[in-house]
Amino acid sequence: MPNQNQDSSEIIQRLTPIFRNVLDDDDLIITHDTKADDIDGWDSLAHIHLVVSIEKALGMRFSAEEVSSLENVGDLAALIIKKQANG
């Protein structure tokens, strides 16, 4: 079974350009611990735009309950891994 941390890091690498595009910051670095409060411009509207952009890029859908339970980028990566594993 693959190492979840490695998978999570790979997911974060895939998410980084999406975050950079949505938040209009070409130098943005996100980590497992990054939260909305850590990034200027990551407000509720940007959050919706991020979720929609990630859904399109990865070909998956998130429920409102799933999105509201996320506390940081690591939680998002774990949710993506879980959804990919469940098909």
PDB file of N, CA and C in Angstrom:
ATOM      1  N   MET A   1       0.847  -1.190   0.000  1.00  0.00           N
ATOM      2  CA  MET A   1       0.000   0.000   0.000  1.00  0.00           C
ATOM      3  C   MET A   1       0.888   1.247   0.000  1.00  0.00           C
ATOM      4  N   PRO A   2       0.566   2.235  -0.840  1.00  0.00           N
ATOM      5  CA  PRO A   2       1.418   3.426  -0.908  1.00  0.00           C
ATOM      6  C   PRO A   2       1.401   4.219   0.400  1.00  0.00           C
ATOM      7  N   ASN A   3       2.475   4.923   0.618  1.00  0.00           N
ATOM      8  CA  ASN A   3       2.601   5.767   1.799  1.00  0.00           C
ATOM      9  C   ASN A   3       1.660   6.958   1.663  1.00  0.00           C
ATOM     10  N   GLN A   4       0.756   7.137   2.635  1.00  0.00           N
ATOM     11  CA  GLN A   4      -0.232   8.221   2.533  1.00  0.00           C
ATOM     12  C   GLN A   4       0.431   9.592   2.548  1.00  0.00           C
ATOM     13  N   ASN A   5       1.511   9.756   3.305  1.00  0.00           N
ATOM     14  CA  ASN A   5       2.193  11.043   3.317  1.00  0.00           C
ATOM     15  C   ASN A   5       2.733  11.390   1.942  1.00  0.00           C
ATOM     16  N   GLN A   6       3.287  10.385   1.261  1.00  0.00           N
ATOM     17  CA  GLN A   6       3.780  10.630  -0.087  1.00  0.00           C
ATOM     18  C   GLN A   6       2.620  11.002  -1.001  1.00  0.00           C
ATOM     19  N   ASP A   7       1.527  10.257  -0.912  1.00  0.00           N
ATOM     20  CA  ASP A   7       0.352  10.582  -1.720  1.00  0.00           C
ATOM     21  C   ASP A   7      -0.129  11.988  -1.404  1.00  0.00           C
ATOM     22  N   SER A   8      -0.181  12.313  -0.124  1.00  0.00           N
ATOM     23  CA  SER A   8      -0.649  13.624   0.302  1.00  0.00           C
ATOM     24  C   SER A   8       0.258  14.720  -0.253  1.00  0.00           C
ATOM     25  N   SER A   9       1.561  14.499  -0.223  1.00  0.00           N
ATOM     26  CA  SER A   9       2.501  15.479  -0.762  1.00  0.00           C
ATOM     27  C   SER A   9       2.308  15.645  -2.265  1.00  0.00           C
ATOM     28  N   GLU A  10       2.053  14.539  -2.957  1.00  0.00           N
ATOM     29  CA  GLU A  10       1.809  14.612  -4.402  1.00  0.00           C
ATOM     30  C   GLU A  10       0.527  15.398  -4.684  1.00  0.00           C
ATOM     31  N   ILE A  11      -0.503  15.183  -3.873  1.00  0.00           N
ATOM     32  CA  ILE A  11      -1.761  15.917  -4.035  1.00  0.00           C
ATOM     33  C   ILE A  11      -1.500  17.411  -3.830  1.00  0.00           C
ATOM     34  N   ILE A  12      -0.752  17.749  -2.798  1.00  0.00           N
ATOM     35  CA  ILE A  12      -0.458  19.157  -2.525  1.00  0.00           C
ATOM     36  C   ILE A  12       0.320  19.779  -3.686  1.00  0.00           C
ATOM     37  N   GLN A  13       1.219  19.007  -4.300  1.00  0.00           N
ATOM     38  CA  GLN A  13       1.933  19.512  -5.481  1.00  0.00           C
ATOM     39  C   GLN A  13       0.948  19.796  -6.614  1.00  0.00           C
ATOM     40  N   ARG A  14      -0.070  18.954  -6.764  1.00  0.00           N
ATOM     41  CA  ARG A  14      -1.079  19.171  -7.806  1.00  0.00           C
ATOM     42  C   ARG A  14      -1.991  20.346  -7.460  1.00  0.00           C
ATOM     43  N   LEU A  15      -2.223  20.568  -6.167  1.00  0.00           N
ATOM     44  CA  LEU A  15      -3.104  21.656  -5.738  1.00  0.00           C
ATOM     45  C   LEU A  15      -2.428  23.027  -5.816  1.00  0.00           C
ATOM     46  N   THR A  16      -1.120  23.059  -5.659  1.00  0.00           N
ATOM     47  CA  THR A  16      -0.399  24.336  -5.589  1.00  0.00           C
ATOM     48  C   THR A  16      -0.705  25.256  -6.770  1.00  0.00           C
ATOM     49  N   PRO A  17      -0.637  24.787  -8.036  1.00  0.00           N
ATOM     50  CA  PRO A  17      -0.946  25.726  -9.126  1.00  0.00           C
ATOM     51  C   PRO A  17      -2.401  26.206  -9.109  1.00  0.00           C
ATOM     52  N   ILE A  18      -3.309  25.377  -8.616  1.00  0.00           N
ATOM     53  CA  ILE A  18      -4.713  25.785  -8.513  1.00  0.00           C
ATOM     54  C   ILE A  18      -4.842  26.905  -7.489  1.00  0.00           C
ATOM     55  N   PHE A  19      -4.227  26.717  -6.318  1.00  0.00           N
ATOM     56  CA  PHE A  19      -4.247  27.754  -5.279  1.00  0.00           C
ATOM     57  C   PHE A  19      -3.605  29.037  -5.802  1.00  0.00           C
ATOM     58  N   ARG A  20      -2.479  28.906  -6.505  1.00  0.00           N
ATOM     59  CA  ARG A  20      -1.780  30.088  -7.024  1.00  0.00           C
ATOM     60  C   ARG A  20      -2.663  30.846  -8.007  1.00  0.00           C
ATOM     61  N   ASN A  21      -3.360  30.113  -8.862  1.00  0.00           N
ATOM     62  CA  ASN A  21      -4.229  30.743  -9.858  1.00  0.00           C
ATOM     63  C   ASN A  21      -5.415  31.429  -9.186  1.00  0.00           C
ATOM     64  N   VAL A  22      -6.109  30.702  -8.329  1.00  0.00           N
ATOM     65  CA  VAL A  22      -7.318  31.252  -7.702  1.00  0.00           C
ATOM     66  C   VAL A  22      -6.986  32.441  -6.799  1.00  0.00           C
ATOM     67  N   LEU A  23      -5.903  32.328  -6.043  1.00  0.00           N
ATOM     68  CA  LEU A  23      -5.539  33.377  -5.090  1.00  0.00           C
ATOM     69  C   LEU A  23      -4.606  34.415  -5.701  1.00  0.00           C
ATOM     70  N   ASP A  24      -4.299  34.268  -6.991  1.00  0.00           N
ATOM     71  CA  ASP A  24      -3.501  35.229  -7.749  1.00  0.00           C
ATOM     72  C   ASP A  24      -2.172  35.530  -7.060  1.00  0.00           C
ATOM     73  N   ASP A  25      -1.441  34.455  -6.733  1.00  0.00           N
ATOM     74  CA  ASP A  25      -0.137  34.597  -6.073  1.00  0.00           C
ATOM     75  C   ASP A  25       0.789  33.520  -6.628  1.00  0.00           C
ATOM     76  N   ASP A  26       1.626  33.904  -7.590  1.00  0.00           N
ATOM     77  CA  ASP A  26       2.506  32.949  -8.264  1.00  0.00           C
ATOM     78  C   ASP A  26       3.577  32.357  -7.356  1.00  0.00           C
ATOM     79  N   ASP A  27       3.806  32.965  -6.206  1.00  0.00           N
ATOM     80  CA  ASP A  27       4.846  32.488  -5.290  1.00  0.00           C
ATOM     81  C   ASP A  27       4.275  31.740  -4.095  1.00  0.00           C
ATOM     82  N   LEU A  28       2.962  31.534  -4.080  1.00  0.00           N
ATOM     83  CA  LEU A  28       2.305  30.905  -2.935  1.00  0.00           C
ATOM     84  C   LEU A  28       2.839  29.492  -2.698  1.00  0.00           C
ATOM     85  N   ILE A  29       3.168  29.217  -1.460  1.00  0.00           N
ATOM     86  CA  ILE A  29       3.588  27.880  -1.042  1.00  0.00           C
ATOM     87  C   ILE A  29       2.536  27.375  -0.058  1.00  0.00           C
ATOM     88  N   ILE A  30       1.959  26.209  -0.351  1.00  0.00           N
ATOM     89  CA  ILE A  30       1.009  25.612   0.585  1.00  0.00           C
ATOM     90  C   ILE A  30       1.615  24.341   1.167  1.00  0.00           C
ATOM     91  N   THR A  31       1.267  24.074   2.412  1.00  0.00           N
ATOM     92  CA  THR A  31       1.728  22.872   3.102  1.00  0.00           C
ATOM     93  C   THR A  31       0.517  22.172   3.695  1.00  0.00           C
ATOM     94  N   HIS A  32       0.755  21.020   4.311  1.00  0.00           N
ATOM     95  CA  HIS A  32      -0.334  20.284   4.960  1.00  0.00           C
ATOM     96  C   HIS A  32      -1.045  21.143   6.004  1.00  0.00           C
ATOM     97  N   ASP A  33      -0.296  22.034   6.644  1.00  0.00           N
ATOM     98  CA  ASP A  33      -0.836  22.819   7.761  1.00  0.00           C
ATOM     99  C   ASP A  33      -1.433  24.160   7.341  1.00  0.00           C
ATOM    100  N   THR A  34      -1.350  24.518   6.060  1.00  0.00           N
ATOM    101  CA  THR A  34      -1.861  25.808   5.596  1.00  0.00           C
ATOM    102  C   THR A  34      -3.368  25.900   5.797  1.00  0.00           C
ATOM    103  N   LYS A  35      -3.794  27.024   6.399  1.00  0.00           N
ATOM    104  CA  LYS A  35      -5.227  27.302   6.624  1.00  0.00           C
ATOM    105  C   LYS A  35      -5.580  28.605   5.912  1.00  0.00           C
ATOM    106  N   ALA A  36      -6.873  28.826   5.739  1.00  0.00           N
ATOM    107  CA  ALA A  36      -7.338  30.055   5.081  1.00  0.00           C
ATOM    108  C   ALA A  36      -6.798  31.297   5.799  1.00  0.00           C
ATOM    109  N   ASP A  37      -6.753  31.247   7.121  1.00  0.00           N
ATOM    110  CA  ASP A  37      -6.272  32.399   7.899  1.00  0.00           C
ATOM    111  C   ASP A  37      -4.814  32.744   7.600  1.00  0.00           C
ATOM    112  N   ASP A  38      -4.078  31.781   7.036  1.00  0.00           N
ATOM    113  CA  ASP A  38      -2.654  31.991   6.760  1.00  0.00           C
ATOM    114  C   ASP A  38      -2.406  32.763   5.469  1.00  0.00           C
ATOM    115  N   ILE A  39      -3.432  32.894   4.618  1.00  0.00           N
ATOM    116  CA  ILE A  39      -3.216  33.436   3.283  1.00  0.00           C
ATOM    117  C   ILE A  39      -4.132  34.635   3.037  1.00  0.00           C
ATOM    118  N   ASP A  40      -3.502  35.775   2.711  1.00  0.00           N
ATOM    119  CA  ASP A  40      -4.283  36.967   2.358  1.00  0.00           C
ATOM    120  C   ASP A  40      -5.128  36.652   1.129  1.00  0.00           C
ATOM    121  N   GLY A  41      -6.379  37.043   1.158  1.00  0.00           N
ATOM    122  CA  GLY A  41      -7.244  36.855   0.010  1.00  0.00           C
ATOM    123  C   GLY A  41      -8.019  35.549   0.001  1.00  0.00           C
ATOM    124  N   TRP A  42      -7.702  34.646   0.947  1.00  0.00           N
ATOM    125  CA  TRP A  42      -8.436  33.381   1.003  1.00  0.00           C
ATOM    126  C   TRP A  42      -9.658  33.598   1.895  1.00  0.00           C
ATOM    127  N   ASP A  43     -10.669  34.216   1.294  1.00  0.00           N
ATOM    128  CA  ASP A  43     -11.919  34.483   2.003  1.00  0.00           C
ATOM    129  C   ASP A  43     -12.966  33.462   1.559  1.00  0.00           C
ATOM    130  N   SER A  44     -14.207  33.659   1.958  1.00  0.00           N
ATOM    131  CA  SER A  44     -15.244  32.666   1.657  1.00  0.00           C
ATOM    132  C   SER A  44     -15.489  32.541   0.153  1.00  0.00           C
ATOM    133  N   LEU A  45     -15.422  33.648  -0.566  1.00  0.00           N
ATOM    134  CA  LEU A  45     -15.622  33.582  -2.013  1.00  0.00           C
ATOM    135  C   LEU A  45     -14.466  32.845  -2.696  1.00  0.00           C
ATOM    136  N   ALA A  46     -13.249  33.154  -2.284  1.00  0.00           N
ATOM    137  CA  ALA A  46     -12.081  32.464  -2.832  1.00  0.00           C
ATOM    138  C   ALA A  46     -12.145  30.977  -2.496  1.00  0.00           C
ATOM    139  N   HIS A  47     -12.666  30.652  -1.320  1.00  0.00           N
ATOM    140  CA  HIS A  47     -12.777  29.256  -0.898  1.00  0.00           C
ATOM    141  C   HIS A  47     -13.694  28.489  -1.862  1.00  0.00           C
ATOM    142  N   ILE A  48     -14.817  29.087  -2.207  1.00  0.00           N
ATOM    143  CA  ILE A  48     -15.746  28.452  -3.152  1.00  0.00           C
ATOM    144  C   ILE A  48     -15.062  28.274  -4.510  1.00  0.00           C
ATOM    145  N   HIS A  49     -14.367  29.304  -4.954  1.00  0.00           N
ATOM    146  CA  HIS A  49     -13.659  29.239  -6.233  1.00  0.00           C
ATOM    147  C   HIS A  49     -12.588  28.140  -6.198  1.00  0.00           C
ATOM    148  N   LEU A  50     -11.881  28.022  -5.077  1.00  0.00           N
ATOM    149  CA  LEU A  50     -10.882  26.959  -4.929  1.00  0.00           C
ATOM    150  C   LEU A  50     -11.530  25.586  -5.045  1.00  0.00           C
ATOM    151  N   VAL A  51     -12.622  25.386  -4.315  1.00  0.00           N
ATOM    152  CA  VAL A  51     -13.290  24.080  -4.315  1.00  0.00           C
ATOM    153  C   VAL A  51     -13.748  23.719  -5.727  1.00  0.00           C
ATOM    154  N   VAL A  52     -14.377  24.657  -6.410  1.00  0.00           N
ATOM    155  CA  VAL A  52     -14.871  24.397  -7.768  1.00  0.00           C
ATOM    156  C   VAL A  52     -13.694  24.106  -8.712  1.00  0.00           C
ATOM    157  N   SER A  53     -12.632  24.865  -8.603  1.00  0.00           N
ATOM    158  CA  SER A  53     -11.460  24.655  -9.459  1.00  0.00           C
ATOM    159  C   SER A  53     -10.814  23.301  -9.199  1.00  0.00           C
ATOM    160  N   ILE A  54     -10.744  22.898  -7.944  1.00  0.00           N
ATOM    161  CA  ILE A  54     -10.167  21.602  -7.589  1.00  0.00           C
ATOM    162  C   ILE A  54     -11.069  20.473  -8.097  1.00  0.00           C
ATOM    163  N   GLU A  55     -12.376  20.640  -7.939  1.00  0.00           N
ATOM    164  CA  GLU A  55     -13.312  19.632  -8.444  1.00  0.00           C
ATOM    165  C   GLU A  55     -13.132  19.442  -9.954  1.00  0.00           C
ATOM    166  N   LYS A  56     -13.032  20.536 -10.690  1.00  0.00           N
ATOM    167  CA  LYS A  56     -12.860  20.454 -12.147  1.00  0.00           C
ATOM    168  C   LYS A  56     -11.528  19.797 -12.497  1.00  0.00           C
ATOM    169  N   ALA A  57     -10.464  20.218 -11.841  1.00  0.00           N
ATOM    170  CA  ALA A  57      -9.121  19.714 -12.157  1.00  0.00           C
ATOM    171  C   ALA A  57      -8.992  18.225 -11.867  1.00  0.00           C
ATOM    172  N   LEU A  58      -9.639  17.770 -10.791  1.00  0.00           N
ATOM    173  CA  LEU A  58      -9.472  16.373 -10.371  1.00  0.00           C
ATOM    174  C   LEU A  58     -10.647  15.491 -10.755  1.00  0.00           C
ATOM    175  N   GLY A  59     -11.684  16.077 -11.342  1.00  0.00           N
ATOM    176  CA  GLY A  59     -12.828  15.290 -11.787  1.00  0.00           C
ATOM    177  C   GLY A  59     -13.600  14.641 -10.657  1.00  0.00           C
ATOM    178  N   MET A  60     -13.794  15.380  -9.578  1.00  0.00           N
ATOM    179  CA  MET A  60     -14.557  14.856  -8.440  1.00  0.00           C
ATOM    180  C   MET A  60     -15.430  15.949  -7.859  1.00  0.00           C
ATOM    181  N   ARG A  61     -16.372  15.545  -7.035  1.00  0.00           N
ATOM    182  CA  ARG A  61     -17.277  16.491  -6.383  1.00  0.00           C
ATOM    183  C   ARG A  61     -17.145  16.334  -4.872  1.00  0.00           C
ATOM    184  N   PHE A  62     -17.253  17.471  -4.175  1.00  0.00           N
ATOM    185  CA  PHE A  62     -17.240  17.481  -2.715  1.00  0.00           C
ATOM    186  C   PHE A  62     -18.601  17.924  -2.223  1.00  0.00           C
ATOM    187  N   SER A  63     -19.072  17.311  -1.162  1.00  0.00           N
ATOM    188  CA  SER A  63     -20.328  17.763  -0.558  1.00  0.00           C
ATOM    189  C   SER A  63     -20.050  18.977   0.318  1.00  0.00           C
ATOM    190  N   ALA A  64     -21.101  19.735   0.604  1.00  0.00           N
ATOM    191  CA  ALA A  64     -20.957  20.893   1.484  1.00  0.00           C
ATOM    192  C   ALA A  64     -20.445  20.451   2.851  1.00  0.00           C
ATOM    193  N   GLU A  65     -20.919  19.300   3.314  1.00  0.00           N
ATOM    194  CA  GLU A  65     -20.473  18.779   4.609  1.00  0.00           C
ATOM    195  C   GLU A  65     -18.981  18.473   4.594  1.00  0.00           C
ATOM    196  N   GLU A  66     -18.493  17.861   3.501  1.00  0.00           N
ATOM    197  CA  GLU A  66     -17.062  17.560   3.400  1.00  0.00           C
ATOM    198  C   GLU A  66     -16.246  18.851   3.408  1.00  0.00           C
ATOM    199  N   VAL A  67     -16.675  19.819   2.625  1.00  0.00           N
ATOM    200  CA  VAL A  67     -15.932  21.080   2.525  1.00  0.00           C
ATOM    201  C   VAL A  67     -15.909  21.811   3.868  1.00  0.00           C
ATOM    202  N   SER A  68     -17.050  21.825   4.564  1.00  0.00           N
ATOM    203  CA  SER A  68     -17.118  22.562   5.829  1.00  0.00           C
ATOM    204  C   SER A  68     -16.297  21.898   6.933  1.00  0.00           C
ATOM    205  N   SER A  69     -15.971  20.610   6.764  1.00  0.00           N
ATOM    206  CA  SER A  69     -15.197  19.910   7.795  1.00  0.00           C
ATOM    207  C   SER A  69     -13.684  20.094   7.628  1.00  0.00           C
ATOM    208  N   LEU A  70     -13.261  20.680   6.523  1.00  0.00           N
ATOM    209  CA  LEU A  70     -11.824  20.849   6.259  1.00  0.00           C
ATOM    210  C   LEU A  70     -11.247  21.970   7.107  1.00  0.00           C
ATOM    211  N   GLU A  71     -10.133  21.670   7.765  1.00  0.00           N
ATOM    212  CA  GLU A  71      -9.480  22.690   8.596  1.00  0.00           C
ATOM    213  C   GLU A  71      -8.196  23.213   7.979  1.00  0.00           C
ATOM    214  N   ASN A  72      -7.595  22.434   7.080  1.00  0.00           N
ATOM    215  CA  ASN A  72      -6.343  22.866   6.458  1.00  0.00           C
ATOM    216  C   ASN A  72      -6.139  22.110   5.147  1.00  0.00           C
ATOM    217  N   VAL A  73      -5.054  22.417   4.455  1.00  0.00           N
ATOM    218  CA  VAL A  73      -4.782  21.794   3.161  1.00  0.00           C
ATOM    219  C   VAL A  73      -4.544  20.292   3.323  1.00  0.00           C
ATOM    220  N   GLY A  74      -3.954  19.888   4.435  1.00  0.00           N
ATOM    221  CA  GLY A  74      -3.744  18.461   4.683  1.00  0.00           C
ATOM    222  C   GLY A  74      -5.060  17.698   4.757  1.00  0.00           C
ATOM    223  N   ASP A  75      -6.074  18.299   5.382  1.00  0.00           N
ATOM    224  CA  ASP A  75      -7.405  17.673   5.420  1.00  0.00           C
ATOM    225  C   ASP A  75      -7.968  17.537   4.012  1.00  0.00           C
ATOM    226  N   LEU A  76      -7.758  18.562   3.188  1.00  0.00           N
ATOM    227  CA  LEU A  76      -8.223  18.529   1.810  1.00  0.00           C
ATOM    228  C   LEU A  76      -7.526  17.403   1.046  1.00  0.00           C
ATOM    229  N   ALA A  77      -6.217  17.294   1.203  1.00  0.00           N
ATOM    230  CA  ALA A  77      -5.460  16.235   0.527  1.00  0.00           C
ATOM    231  C   ALA A  77      -5.954  14.857   0.964  1.00  0.00           C
ATOM    232  N   ALA A  78      -6.202  14.694   2.264  1.00  0.00           N
ATOM    233  CA  ALA A  78      -6.697  13.407   2.772  1.00  0.00           C
ATOM    234  C   ALA A  78      -8.070  13.083   2.195  1.00  0.00           C
ATOM    235  N   LEU A  79      -8.919  14.087   2.066  1.00  0.00           N
ATOM    236  CA  LEU A  79     -10.246  13.884   1.483  1.00  0.00           C
ATOM    237  C   LEU A  79     -10.112  13.464   0.011  1.00  0.00           C
ATOM    238  N   ILE A  80      -9.231  14.103  -0.717  1.00  0.00           N
ATOM    239  CA  ILE A  80      -9.015  13.746  -2.130  1.00  0.00           C
ATOM    240  C   ILE A  80      -8.521  12.306  -2.237  1.00  0.00           C
ATOM    241  N   ILE A  81      -7.568  11.921  -1.398  1.00  0.00           N
ATOM    242  CA  ILE A  81      -7.039  10.546  -1.410  1.00  0.00           C
ATOM    243  C   ILE A  81      -8.170   9.556  -1.118  1.00  0.00           C
ATOM    244  N   LYS A  82      -8.991   9.867  -0.133  1.00  0.00           N
ATOM    245  CA  LYS A  82     -10.117   8.999   0.217  1.00  0.00           C
ATOM    246  C   LYS A  82     -11.086   8.849  -0.953  1.00  0.00           C
ATOM    247  N   LYS A  83     -11.399   9.963  -1.610  1.00  0.00           N
ATOM    248  CA  LYS A  83     -12.331   9.926  -2.748  1.00  0.00           C
ATOM    249  C   LYS A  83     -11.721   9.148  -3.917  1.00  0.00           C
ATOM    250  N   GLN A  84     -10.422   9.310  -4.156  1.00  0.00           N
ATOM    251  CA  GLN A  84      -9.769   8.578  -5.234  1.00  0.00           C
ATOM    252  C   GLN A  84      -9.781   7.079  -4.943  1.00  0.00           C
ATOM    253  N   ALA A  85      -9.579   6.724  -3.686  1.00  0.00           N
ATOM    254  CA  ALA A  85      -9.559   5.299  -3.310  1.00  0.00           C
ATOM    255  C   ALA A  85     -10.945   4.675  -3.450  1.00  0.00           C
ATOM    256  N   ASN A  86     -11.991   5.471  -3.208  1.00  0.00           N
ATOM    257  CA  ASN A  86     -13.361   4.963  -3.289  1.00  0.00           C
ATOM    258  C   ASN A  86     -13.918   5.025  -4.698  1.00  0.00           C
ATOM    259  N   GLY A  87     -13.126   5.572  -5.613  1.00  0.00           N
ATOM    260  CA  GLY A  87     -13.569   5.664  -7.005  1.00  0.00           C
ATOM    261  C   GLY A  87     -14.543   6.739  -7.172  1.00  0.00           C
TER     262      GLY A  87
END
